[in-house]
Amino acid sequence: MKEETRECIVKARLTANEYQTFLKKVKGSDRPDNMSEYIRACIFSDDLKHSIAVARELKNLNYQIRKIGVLINQIAASANRGVMFRGDAELVLKKLQEVEELVKTFEARIE
């Protein structure tokens, strides 16, 4: 079976610091003499896909935690004004349990 020839060229601009970091990573890789091979390994690695999925999960988790923080602040502001609503504590507890479930799901996915 004939191997495909690589005809397409991709260019990228880096700052001097980015380039030095890139060189260090290439030198620390399995193929320190081949920048192209290193880049292809990074692009087509399943690790990259996994990292992107993890980043998305973290973003969602951060969003949910922020929502709970806003809710707690609203309840605290009401309590400071002397206004308490029945069910506030239960609502916060329910939301915290939801976040706990999200964290458990996240942990299971990254393992």
PDB file of N, CA and C in Angstrom:
ATOM      1  N   MET A   1       0.843  -1.166   0.000  1.00  0.00           N
ATOM      2  CA  MET A   1       0.000   0.000   0.000  1.00  0.00           C
ATOM      3  C   MET A   1       0.892   1.235   0.000  1.00  0.00           C
ATOM      4  N   LYS A   2       0.611   2.155  -0.887  1.00  0.00           N
ATOM      5  CA  LYS A   2       1.425   3.359  -1.045  1.00  0.00           C
ATOM      6  C   LYS A   2       1.014   4.410  -0.010  1.00  0.00           C
ATOM      7  N   GLU A   3       2.031   4.983   0.652  1.00  0.00           N
ATOM      8  CA  GLU A   3       1.768   6.022   1.632  1.00  0.00           C
ATOM      9  C   GLU A   3       1.470   7.341   0.918  1.00  0.00           C
ATOM     10  N   GLU A   4       0.512   8.087   1.456  1.00  0.00           N
ATOM     11  CA  GLU A   4       0.171   9.380   0.873  1.00  0.00           C
ATOM     12  C   GLU A   4       1.326  10.354   1.061  1.00  0.00           C
ATOM     13  N   THR A   5       1.529  11.165   0.043  1.00  0.00           N
ATOM     14  CA  THR A   5       2.550  12.208   0.196  1.00  0.00           C
ATOM     15  C   THR A   5       1.905  13.427   0.839  1.00  0.00           C
ATOM     16  N   ARG A   6       2.668  14.077   1.635  1.00  0.00           N
ATOM     17  CA  ARG A   6       2.167  15.272   2.321  1.00  0.00           C
ATOM     18  C   ARG A   6       2.456  16.476   1.438  1.00  0.00           C
ATOM     19  N   GLU A   7       1.404  17.010   0.844  1.00  0.00           N
ATOM     20  CA  GLU A   7       1.551  18.107  -0.099  1.00  0.00           C
ATOM     21  C   GLU A   7       1.139  19.456   0.485  1.00  0.00           C
ATOM     22  N   CYS A   8       0.288  19.441   1.486  1.00  0.00           N
ATOM     23  CA  CYS A   8      -0.249  20.687   2.032  1.00  0.00           C
ATOM     24  C   CYS A   8       0.684  21.240   3.102  1.00  0.00           C
ATOM     25  N   ILE A   9       0.894  22.539   3.055  1.00  0.00           N
ATOM     26  CA  ILE A   9       1.763  23.211   4.004  1.00  0.00           C
ATOM     27  C   ILE A   9       0.907  24.125   4.868  1.00  0.00           C
ATOM     28  N   VAL A  10       1.149  24.071   6.161  1.00  0.00           N
ATOM     29  CA  VAL A  10       0.443  24.922   7.104  1.00  0.00           C
ATOM     30  C   VAL A  10       1.477  25.800   7.793  1.00  0.00           C
ATOM     31  N   LYS A  11       1.200  27.096   7.849  1.00  0.00           N
ATOM     32  CA  LYS A  11       2.131  28.028   8.490  1.00  0.00           C
ATOM     33  C   LYS A  11       1.463  28.630   9.713  1.00  0.00           C
ATOM     34  N   ALA A  12       2.271  28.939  10.712  1.00  0.00           N
ATOM     35  CA  ALA A  12       1.763  29.597  11.919  1.00  0.00           C
ATOM     36  C   ALA A  12       2.784  30.621  12.381  1.00  0.00           C
ATOM     37  N   ARG A  13       2.302  31.711  12.895  1.00  0.00           N
ATOM     38  CA  ARG A  13       3.196  32.736  13.436  1.00  0.00           C
ATOM     39  C   ARG A  13       3.203  32.612  14.956  1.00  0.00           C
ATOM     40  N   LEU A  14       4.399  32.692  15.529  1.00  0.00           N
ATOM     41  CA  LEU A  14       4.567  32.605  16.974  1.00  0.00           C
ATOM     42  C   LEU A  14       5.392  33.780  17.463  1.00  0.00           C
ATOM     43  N   THR A  15       5.149  34.160  18.712  1.00  0.00           N
ATOM     44  CA  THR A  15       6.028  35.158  19.316  1.00  0.00           C
ATOM     45  C   THR A  15       7.349  34.462  19.641  1.00  0.00           C
ATOM     46  N   ALA A  16       8.350  35.237  19.990  1.00  0.00           N
ATOM     47  CA  ALA A  16       9.648  34.654  20.337  1.00  0.00           C
ATOM     48  C   ALA A  16       9.507  33.710  21.541  1.00  0.00           C
ATOM     49  N   ASN A  17       8.719  34.108  22.533  1.00  0.00           N
ATOM     50  CA  ASN A  17       8.509  33.247  23.711  1.00  0.00           C
ATOM     51  C   ASN A  17       7.762  31.969  23.346  1.00  0.00           C
ATOM     52  N   GLU A  18       6.736  32.091  22.509  1.00  0.00           N
ATOM     53  CA  GLU A  18       5.985  30.913  22.076  1.00  0.00           C
ATOM     54  C   GLU A  18       6.893  29.956  21.308  1.00  0.00           C
ATOM     55  N   TYR A  19       7.750  30.518  20.473  1.00  0.00           N
ATOM     56  CA  TYR A  19       8.655  29.687  19.675  1.00  0.00           C
ATOM     57  C   TYR A  19       9.644  28.948  20.576  1.00  0.00           C
ATOM     58  N   GLN A  20      10.168  29.616  21.582  1.00  0.00           N
ATOM     59  CA  GLN A  20      11.096  28.953  22.513  1.00  0.00           C
ATOM     60  C   GLN A  20      10.391  27.832  23.264  1.00  0.00           C
ATOM     61  N   THR A  21       9.167  28.080  23.680  1.00  0.00           N
ATOM     62  CA  THR A  21       8.375  27.047  24.355  1.00  0.00           C
ATOM     63  C   THR A  21       8.143  25.869  23.415  1.00  0.00           C
ATOM     64  N   PHE A  22       7.798  26.181  22.170  1.00  0.00           N
ATOM     65  CA  PHE A  22       7.577  25.146  21.155  1.00  0.00           C
ATOM     66  C   PHE A  22       8.831  24.299  20.973  1.00  0.00           C
ATOM     67  N   LEU A  23       9.992  24.943  20.844  1.00  0.00           N
ATOM     68  CA  LEU A  23      11.252  24.206  20.666  1.00  0.00           C
ATOM     69  C   LEU A  23      11.539  23.288  21.848  1.00  0.00           C
ATOM     70  N   LYS A  24      11.275  23.774  23.059  1.00  0.00           N
ATOM     71  CA  LYS A  24      11.488  22.948  24.256  1.00  0.00           C
ATOM     72  C   LYS A  24      10.590  21.710  24.224  1.00  0.00           C
ATOM     73  N   LYS A  25       9.349  21.906  23.804  1.00  0.00           N
ATOM     74  CA  LYS A  25       8.419  20.775  23.735  1.00  0.00           C
ATOM     75  C   LYS A  25       8.840  19.783  22.662  1.00  0.00           C
ATOM     76  N   VAL A  26       9.310  20.286  21.545  1.00  0.00           N
ATOM     77  CA  VAL A  26       9.767  19.397  20.464  1.00  0.00           C
ATOM     78  C   VAL A  26      10.974  18.600  20.950  1.00  0.00           C
ATOM     79  N   LYS A  27      11.931  19.272  21.587  1.00  0.00           N
ATOM     80  CA  LYS A  27      13.142  18.591  22.076  1.00  0.00           C
ATOM     81  C   LYS A  27      12.812  17.547  23.131  1.00  0.00           C
ATOM     82  N   GLY A  28      11.752  17.769  23.906  1.00  0.00           N
ATOM     83  CA  GLY A  28      11.351  16.816  24.938  1.00  0.00           C
ATOM     84  C   GLY A  28      10.454  15.708  24.429  1.00  0.00           C
ATOM     85  N   SER A  29      10.165  15.709  23.139  1.00  0.00           N
ATOM     86  CA  SER A  29       9.247  14.711  22.570  1.00  0.00           C
ATOM     87  C   SER A  29       9.996  13.456  22.126  1.00  0.00           C
ATOM     88  N   ASP A  30       9.227  12.507  21.591  1.00  0.00           N
ATOM     89  CA  ASP A  30       9.808  11.256  21.081  1.00  0.00           C
ATOM     90  C   ASP A  30      10.662  11.487  19.842  1.00  0.00           C
ATOM     91  N   ARG A  31      10.352  12.529  19.086  1.00  0.00           N
ATOM     92  CA  ARG A  31      11.065  12.839  17.835  1.00  0.00           C
ATOM     93  C   ARG A  31      11.634  14.248  17.905  1.00  0.00           C
ATOM     94  N   PRO A  32      12.675  14.477  18.704  1.00  0.00           N
ATOM     95  CA  PRO A  32      13.190  15.839  18.896  1.00  0.00           C
ATOM     96  C   PRO A  32      13.787  16.459  17.645  1.00  0.00           C
ATOM     97  N   ASP A  33      14.039  15.657  16.621  1.00  0.00           N
ATOM     98  CA  ASP A  33      14.635  16.182  15.396  1.00  0.00           C
ATOM     99  C   ASP A  33      13.601  16.489  14.311  1.00  0.00           C
ATOM    100  N   ASN A  34      12.303  16.293  14.605  1.00  0.00           N
ATOM    101  CA  ASN A  34      11.294  16.427  13.568  1.00  0.00           C
ATOM    102  C   ASN A  34      10.106  17.252  14.070  1.00  0.00           C
ATOM    103  N   MET A  35      10.118  18.549  13.783  1.00  0.00           N
ATOM    104  CA  MET A  35       9.040  19.442  14.218  1.00  0.00           C
ATOM    105  C   MET A  35       7.709  19.061  13.587  1.00  0.00           C
ATOM    106  N   SER A  36       7.732  18.692  12.321  1.00  0.00           N
ATOM    107  CA  SER A  36       6.492  18.338  11.627  1.00  0.00           C
ATOM    108  C   SER A  36       5.827  17.133  12.277  1.00  0.00           C
ATOM    109  N   GLU A  37       6.630  16.136  12.603  1.00  0.00           N
ATOM    110  CA  GLU A  37       6.087  14.932  13.241  1.00  0.00           C
ATOM    111  C   GLU A  37       5.472  15.278  14.594  1.00  0.00           C
ATOM    112  N   TYR A  38       6.142  16.159  15.327  1.00  0.00           N
ATOM    113  CA  TYR A  38       5.629  16.588  16.634  1.00  0.00           C
ATOM    114  C   TYR A  38       4.276  17.287  16.472  1.00  0.00           C
ATOM    115  N   ILE A  39       4.179  18.187  15.513  1.00  0.00           N
ATOM    116  CA  ILE A  39       2.928  18.922  15.286  1.00  0.00           C
ATOM    117  C   ILE A  39       1.812  17.968  14.882  1.00  0.00           C
ATOM    118  N   ARG A  40       2.108  17.039  13.972  1.00  0.00           N
ATOM    119  CA  ARG A  40       1.081  16.061  13.564  1.00  0.00           C
ATOM    120  C   ARG A  40       0.622  15.230  14.754  1.00  0.00           C
ATOM    121  N   ALA A  41       1.567  14.820  15.598  1.00  0.00           N
ATOM    122  CA  ALA A  41       1.203  14.027  16.784  1.00  0.00           C
ATOM    123  C   ALA A  41       0.287  14.825  17.703  1.00  0.00           C
ATOM    124  N   CYS A  42       0.577  16.104  17.866  1.00  0.00           N
ATOM    125  CA  CYS A  42      -0.272  16.956  18.714  1.00  0.00           C
ATOM    126  C   CYS A  42      -1.667  17.120  18.128  1.00  0.00           C
ATOM    127  N   ILE A  43      -1.732  17.348  16.846  1.00  0.00           N
ATOM    128  CA  ILE A  43      -3.019  17.615  16.190  1.00  0.00           C
ATOM    129  C   ILE A  43      -3.912  16.376  16.162  1.00  0.00           C
ATOM    130  N   PHE A  44      -3.334  15.242  15.823  1.00  0.00           N
ATOM    131  CA  PHE A  44      -4.159  14.060  15.596  1.00  0.00           C
ATOM    132  C   PHE A  44      -4.234  13.131  16.794  1.00  0.00           C
ATOM    133  N   SER A  45      -3.688  13.539  17.909  1.00  0.00           N
ATOM    134  CA  SER A  45      -3.701  12.723  19.117  1.00  0.00           C
ATOM    135  C   SER A  45      -5.091  12.709  19.742  1.00  0.00           C
ATOM    136  N   ASP A  46      -5.463  11.587  20.302  1.00  0.00           N
ATOM    137  CA  ASP A  46      -6.724  11.497  21.032  1.00  0.00           C
ATOM    138  C   ASP A  46      -6.663  12.317  22.314  1.00  0.00           C
ATOM    139  N   ASP A  47      -5.455  12.568  22.814  1.00  0.00           N
ATOM    140  CA  ASP A  47      -5.300  13.383  24.018  1.00  0.00           C
ATOM    141  C   ASP A  47      -5.864  14.780  23.805  1.00  0.00           C
ATOM    142  N   LEU A  48      -5.683  15.327  22.604  1.00  0.00           N
ATOM    143  CA  LEU A  48      -6.192  16.665  22.308  1.00  0.00           C
ATOM    144  C   LEU A  48      -7.717  16.664  22.365  1.00  0.00           C
ATOM    145  N   LYS A  49      -8.327  15.661  21.774  1.00  0.00           N
ATOM    146  CA  LYS A  49      -9.794  15.565  21.803  1.00  0.00           C
ATOM    147  C   LYS A  49     -10.281  15.433  23.237  1.00  0.00           C
ATOM    148  N   HIS A  50      -9.565  14.644  24.028  1.00  0.00           N
ATOM    149  CA  HIS A  50      -9.923  14.463  25.433  1.00  0.00           C
ATOM    150  C   HIS A  50      -9.782  15.790  26.178  1.00  0.00           C
ATOM    151  N   SER A  51      -8.712  16.526  25.907  1.00  0.00           N
ATOM    152  CA  SER A  51      -8.484  17.805  26.574  1.00  0.00           C
ATOM    153  C   SER A  51      -9.590  18.807  26.248  1.00  0.00           C
ATOM    154  N   ILE A  52     -10.035  18.806  25.017  1.00  0.00           N
ATOM    155  CA  ILE A  52     -11.110  19.713  24.613  1.00  0.00           C
ATOM    156  C   ILE A  52     -12.401  19.350  25.336  1.00  0.00           C
ATOM    157  N   ALA A  53     -12.688  18.067  25.431  1.00  0.00           N
ATOM    158  CA  ALA A  53     -13.894  17.618  26.132  1.00  0.00           C
ATOM    159  C   ALA A  53     -13.824  17.994  27.612  1.00  0.00           C
ATOM    160  N   VAL A  54     -12.653  17.832  28.211  1.00  0.00           N
ATOM    161  CA  VAL A  54     -12.471  18.187  29.618  1.00  0.00           C
ATOM    162  C   VAL A  54     -12.674  19.684  29.808  1.00  0.00           C
ATOM    163  N   ALA A  55     -12.140  20.484  28.895  1.00  0.00           N
ATOM    164  CA  ALA A  55     -12.295  21.938  28.985  1.00  0.00           C
ATOM    165  C   ALA A  55     -13.770  22.333  28.915  1.00  0.00           C
ATOM    166  N   ARG A  56     -14.518  21.687  28.052  1.00  0.00           N
ATOM    167  CA  ARG A  56     -15.954  21.975  27.947  1.00  0.00           C
ATOM    168  C   ARG A  56     -16.685  21.616  29.240  1.00  0.00           C
ATOM    169  N   GLU A  57     -16.341  20.466  29.797  1.00  0.00           N
ATOM    170  CA  GLU A  57     -16.958  20.045  31.053  1.00  0.00           C
ATOM    171  C   GLU A  57     -16.637  21.022  32.179  1.00  0.00           C
ATOM    172  N   LEU A  58     -15.382  21.471  32.230  1.00  0.00           N
ATOM    173  CA  LEU A  58     -14.985  22.433  33.264  1.00  0.00           C
ATOM    174  C   LEU A  58     -15.730  23.758  33.107  1.00  0.00           C
ATOM    175  N   LYS A  59     -15.919  24.175  31.869  1.00  0.00           N
ATOM    176  CA  LYS A  59     -16.644  25.418  31.612  1.00  0.00           C
ATOM    177  C   LYS A  59     -18.082  25.299  32.117  1.00  0.00           C
ATOM    178  N   ASN A  60     -18.720  24.180  31.845  1.00  0.00           N
ATOM    179  CA  ASN A  60     -20.085  23.957  32.309  1.00  0.00           C
ATOM    180  C   ASN A  60     -20.135  23.904  33.833  1.00  0.00           C
ATOM    181  N   LEU A  61     -19.191  23.212  34.434  1.00  0.00           N
ATOM    182  CA  LEU A  61     -19.140  23.104  35.885  1.00  0.00           C
ATOM    183  C   LEU A  61     -18.946  24.485  36.517  1.00  0.00           C
ATOM    184  N   ASN A  62     -18.064  25.274  35.948  1.00  0.00           N
ATOM    185  CA  ASN A  62     -17.834  26.633  36.435  1.00  0.00           C
ATOM    186  C   ASN A  62     -19.109  27.465  36.349  1.00  0.00           C
ATOM    187  N   TYR A  63     -19.826  27.330  35.254  1.00  0.00           N
ATOM    188  CA  TYR A  63     -21.080  28.057  35.063  1.00  0.00           C
ATOM    189  C   TYR A  63     -22.103  27.681  36.140  1.00  0.00           C
ATOM    190  N   GLN A  64     -22.234  26.387  36.394  1.00  0.00           N
ATOM    191  CA  GLN A  64     -23.201  25.920  37.389  1.00  0.00           C
ATOM    192  C   GLN A  64     -22.836  26.417  38.785  1.00  0.00           C
ATOM    193  N   ILE A  65     -21.558  26.376  39.118  1.00  0.00           N
ATOM    194  CA  ILE A  65     -21.119  26.838  40.436  1.00  0.00           C
ATOM    195  C   ILE A  65     -21.355  28.343  40.570  1.00  0.00           C
ATOM    196  N   ARG A  66     -21.093  29.080  39.508  1.00  0.00           N
ATOM    197  CA  ARG A  66     -21.331  30.525  39.535  1.00  0.00           C
ATOM    198  C   ARG A  66     -22.812  30.825  39.763  1.00  0.00           C
ATOM    199  N   LYS A  67     -23.699  30.047  39.109  1.00  0.00           N
ATOM    200  CA  LYS A  67     -25.140  30.244  39.300  1.00  0.00           C
ATOM    201  C   LYS A  67     -25.527  30.041  40.763  1.00  0.00           C
ATOM    202  N   ILE A  68     -24.949  29.031  41.392  1.00  0.00           N
ATOM    203  CA  ILE A  68     -25.251  28.776  42.796  1.00  0.00           C
ATOM    204  C   ILE A  68     -24.742  29.925  43.664  1.00  0.00           C
ATOM    205  N   GLY A  69     -23.557  30.446  43.334  1.00  0.00           N
ATOM    206  CA  GLY A  69     -23.026  31.585  44.084  1.00  0.00           C
ATOM    207  C   GLY A  69     -23.952  32.789  44.002  1.00  0.00           C
ATOM    208  N   VAL A  70     -24.504  33.046  42.835  1.00  0.00           N
ATOM    209  CA  VAL A  70     -25.445  34.157  42.661  1.00  0.00           C
ATOM    210  C   VAL A  70     -26.690  33.905  43.502  1.00  0.00           C
ATOM    211  N   LEU A  71     -27.191  32.684  43.485  1.00  0.00           N
ATOM    212  CA  LEU A  71     -28.371  32.330  44.262  1.00  0.00           C
ATOM    213  C   LEU A  71     -28.119  32.532  45.758  1.00  0.00           C
ATOM    214  N   ILE A  72     -26.975  32.080  46.231  1.00  0.00           N
ATOM    215  CA  ILE A  72     -26.642  32.237  47.658  1.00  0.00           C
ATOM    216  C   ILE A  72     -26.543  33.724  48.005  1.00  0.00           C
ATOM    217  N   ASN A  73     -25.929  34.518  47.134  1.00  0.00           N
ATOM    218  CA  ASN A  73     -25.842  35.966  47.382  1.00  0.00           C
ATOM    219  C   ASN A  73     -27.225  36.615  47.449  1.00  0.00           C
ATOM    220  N   GLN A  74     -28.126  36.187  46.577  1.00  0.00           N
ATOM    221  CA  GLN A  74     -29.478  36.741  46.596  1.00  0.00           C
ATOM    222  C   GLN A  74     -30.199  36.386  47.894  1.00  0.00           C
ATOM    223  N   ILE A  75     -30.034  35.143  48.332  1.00  0.00           N
ATOM    224  CA  ILE A  75     -30.672  34.713  49.576  1.00  0.00           C
ATOM    225  C   ILE A  75     -30.068  35.459  50.765  1.00  0.00           C
ATOM    226  N   ALA A  76     -28.744  35.645  50.763  1.00  0.00           N
ATOM    227  CA  ALA A  76     -28.087  36.373  51.852  1.00  0.00           C
ATOM    228  C   ALA A  76     -28.552  37.827  51.884  1.00  0.00           C
ATOM    229  N   ALA A  77     -28.695  38.442  50.713  1.00  0.00           N
ATOM    230  CA  ALA A  77     -29.167  39.830  50.663  1.00  0.00           C
ATOM    231  C   ALA A  77     -30.583  39.934  51.220  1.00  0.00           C
ATOM    232  N   SER A  78     -31.429  38.975  50.872  1.00  0.00           N
ATOM    233  CA  SER A  78     -32.799  38.971  51.407  1.00  0.00           C
ATOM    234  C   SER A  78     -32.780  38.795  52.918  1.00  0.00           C
ATOM    235  N   ALA A  79     -31.946  37.886  53.405  1.00  0.00           N
ATOM    236  CA  ALA A  79     -31.864  37.644  54.846  1.00  0.00           C
ATOM    237  C   ALA A  79     -31.370  38.891  55.569  1.00  0.00           C
ATOM    238  N   ASN A  80     -30.430  39.615  54.973  1.00  0.00           N
ATOM    239  CA  ASN A  80     -29.919  40.846  55.595  1.00  0.00           C
ATOM    240  C   ASN A  80     -30.980  41.942  55.656  1.00  0.00           C
ATOM    241  N   ARG A  81     -31.928  41.887  54.739  1.00  0.00           N
ATOM    242  CA  ARG A  81     -33.047  42.844  54.753  1.00  0.00           C
ATOM    243  C   ARG A  81     -34.155  42.382  55.695  1.00  0.00           C
ATOM    244  N   GLY A  82     -33.985  41.202  56.275  1.00  0.00           N
ATOM    245  CA  GLY A  82     -34.996  40.667  57.184  1.00  0.00           C
ATOM    246  C   GLY A  82     -36.082  39.903  56.470  1.00  0.00           C
ATOM    247  N   VAL A  83     -35.867  39.560  55.222  1.00  0.00           N
ATOM    248  CA  VAL A  83     -36.873  38.836  54.443  1.00  0.00           C
ATOM    249  C   VAL A  83     -36.340  37.435  54.147  1.00  0.00           C
ATOM    250  N   MET A  84     -36.998  36.452  54.683  1.00  0.00           N
ATOM    251  CA  MET A  84     -36.614  35.057  54.419  1.00  0.00           C
ATOM    252  C   MET A  84     -37.797  34.353  53.779  1.00  0.00           C
ATOM    253  N   PHE A  85     -37.507  33.538  52.803  1.00  0.00           N
ATOM    254  CA  PHE A  85     -38.551  32.782  52.129  1.00  0.00           C
ATOM    255  C   PHE A  85     -38.435  31.316  52.498  1.00  0.00           C
ATOM    256  N   ARG A  86     -39.582  30.718  52.665  1.00  0.00           N
ATOM    257  CA  ARG A  86     -39.616  29.299  52.958  1.00  0.00           C
ATOM    258  C   ARG A  86     -39.043  28.544  51.759  1.00  0.00           C
ATOM    259  N   GLY A  87     -38.170  27.642  52.001  1.00  0.00           N
ATOM    260  CA  GLY A  87     -37.626  26.838  50.924  1.00  0.00           C
ATOM    261  C   GLY A  87     -36.284  27.320  50.400  1.00  0.00           C
ATOM    262  N   ASP A  88     -35.797  28.481  50.879  1.00  0.00           N
ATOM    263  CA  ASP A  88     -34.507  28.981  50.401  1.00  0.00           C
ATOM    264  C   ASP A  88     -33.377  28.001  50.692  1.00  0.00           C
ATOM    265  N   ALA A  89     -33.332  27.533  51.917  1.00  0.00           N
ATOM    266  CA  ALA A  89     -32.255  26.614  52.308  1.00  0.00           C
ATOM    267  C   ALA A  89     -32.335  25.320  51.502  1.00  0.00           C
ATOM    268  N   GLU A  90     -33.553  24.826  51.304  1.00  0.00           N
ATOM    269  CA  GLU A  90     -33.724  23.595  50.538  1.00  0.00           C
ATOM    270  C   GLU A  90     -33.294  23.783  49.082  1.00  0.00           C
ATOM    271  N   LEU A  91     -33.574  24.961  48.540  1.00  0.00           N
ATOM    272  CA  LEU A  91     -33.196  25.249  47.158  1.00  0.00           C
ATOM    273  C   LEU A  91     -31.675  25.270  47.009  1.00  0.00           C
ATOM    274  N   VAL A  92     -30.996  25.918  47.943  1.00  0.00           N
ATOM    275  CA  VAL A  92     -29.534  25.964  47.892  1.00  0.00           C
ATOM    276  C   VAL A  92     -28.968  24.556  48.025  1.00  0.00           C
ATOM    277  N   LEU A  93     -29.510  23.774  48.954  1.00  0.00           N
ATOM    278  CA  LEU A  93     -29.044  22.401  49.140  1.00  0.00           C
ATOM    279  C   LEU A  93     -29.246  21.573  47.876  1.00  0.00           C
ATOM    280  N   LYS A  94     -30.392  21.739  47.232  1.00  0.00           N
ATOM    281  CA  LYS A  94     -30.674  21.012  45.996  1.00  0.00           C
ATOM    282  C   LYS A  94     -29.668  21.390  44.905  1.00  0.00           C
ATOM    283  N   LYS A  95     -29.385  22.684  44.770  1.00  0.00           N
ATOM    284  CA  LYS A  95     -28.438  23.135  43.756  1.00  0.00           C
ATOM    285  C   LYS A  95     -27.032  22.625  44.045  1.00  0.00           C
ATOM    286  N   LEU A  96     -26.644  22.604  45.307  1.00  0.00           N
ATOM    287  CA  LEU A  96     -25.330  22.071  45.676  1.00  0.00           C
ATOM    288  C   LEU A  96     -25.233  20.576  45.355  1.00  0.00           C
ATOM    289  N   GLN A  97     -26.320  19.855  45.572  1.00  0.00           N
ATOM    290  CA  GLN A  97     -26.331  18.435  45.225  1.00  0.00           C
ATOM    291  C   GLN A  97     -26.212  18.245  43.716  1.00  0.00           C
ATOM    292  N   GLU A  98     -26.815  19.129  42.944  1.00  0.00           N
ATOM    293  CA  GLU A  98     -26.695  19.054  41.489  1.00  0.00           C
ATOM    294  C   GLU A  98     -25.245  19.258  41.058  1.00  0.00           C
ATOM    295  N   VAL A  99     -24.582  20.215  41.685  1.00  0.00           N
ATOM    296  CA  VAL A  99     -23.177  20.452  41.358  1.00  0.00           C
ATOM    297  C   VAL A  99     -22.328  19.260  41.776  1.00  0.00           C
ATOM    298  N   GLU A 100     -22.642  18.679  42.919  1.00  0.00           N
ATOM    299  CA  GLU A 100     -21.904  17.490  43.359  1.00  0.00           C
ATOM    300  C   GLU A 100     -22.032  16.367  42.337  1.00  0.00           C
ATOM    301  N   GLU A 101     -23.214  16.187  41.776  1.00  0.00           N
ATOM    302  CA  GLU A 101     -23.418  15.179  40.740  1.00  0.00           C
ATOM    303  C   GLU A 101     -22.619  15.513  39.479  1.00  0.00           C
ATOM    304  N   LEU A 102     -22.605  16.805  39.115  1.00  0.00           N
ATOM    305  CA  LEU A 102     -21.818  17.214  37.953  1.00  0.00           C
ATOM    306  C   LEU A 102     -20.331  16.937  38.168  1.00  0.00           C
ATOM    307  N   VAL A 103     -19.852  17.202  39.371  1.00  0.00           N
ATOM    308  CA  VAL A 103     -18.441  16.944  39.677  1.00  0.00           C
ATOM    309  C   VAL A 103     -18.144  15.451  39.588  1.00  0.00           C
ATOM    310  N   LYS A 104     -19.021  14.624  40.131  1.00  0.00           N
ATOM    311  CA  LYS A 104     -18.826  13.170  40.056  1.00  0.00           C
ATOM    312  C   LYS A 104     -18.819  12.695  38.607  1.00  0.00           C
ATOM    313  N   THR A 105     -19.723  13.214  37.795  1.00  0.00           N
ATOM    314  CA  THR A 105     -19.773  12.859  36.386  1.00  0.00           C
ATOM    315  C   THR A 105     -18.494  13.298  35.684  1.00  0.00           C
ATOM    316  N   PHE A 106     -18.024  14.495  35.997  1.00  0.00           N
ATOM    317  CA  PHE A 106     -16.800  15.024  35.408  1.00  0.00           C
ATOM    318  C   PHE A 106     -15.614  14.136  35.777  1.00  0.00           C
ATOM    319  N   GLU A 107     -15.511  13.783  37.048  1.00  0.00           N
ATOM    320  CA  GLU A 107     -14.414  12.922  37.496  1.00  0.00           C
ATOM    321  C   GLU A 107     -14.428  11.574  36.776  1.00  0.00           C
ATOM    322  N   ALA A 108     -15.615  11.022  36.598  1.00  0.00           N
ATOM    323  CA  ALA A 108     -15.715   9.728  35.913  1.00  0.00           C
ATOM    324  C   ALA A 108     -15.286   9.846  34.459  1.00  0.00           C
ATOM    325  N   ARG A 109     -15.586  10.947  33.819  1.00  0.00           N
ATOM    326  CA  ARG A 109     -15.229  11.121  32.404  1.00  0.00           C
ATOM    327  C   ARG A 109     -13.739  11.315  32.193  1.00  0.00           C
ATOM    328  N   ILE A 110     -13.074  11.979  33.125  1.00  0.00           N
ATOM    329  CA  ILE A 110     -11.660  12.236  32.916  1.00  0.00           C
ATOM    330  C   ILE A 110     -10.778  11.061  33.313  1.00  0.00           C
ATOM    331  N   GLU A 111     -11.338  10.085  34.003  1.00  0.00           N
ATOM    332  CA  GLU A 111     -10.534   8.908  34.391  1.00  0.00           C
ATOM    333  C   GLU A 111     -10.394   7.915  33.280  1.00  0.00           C
TER     334      GLU A 111
END
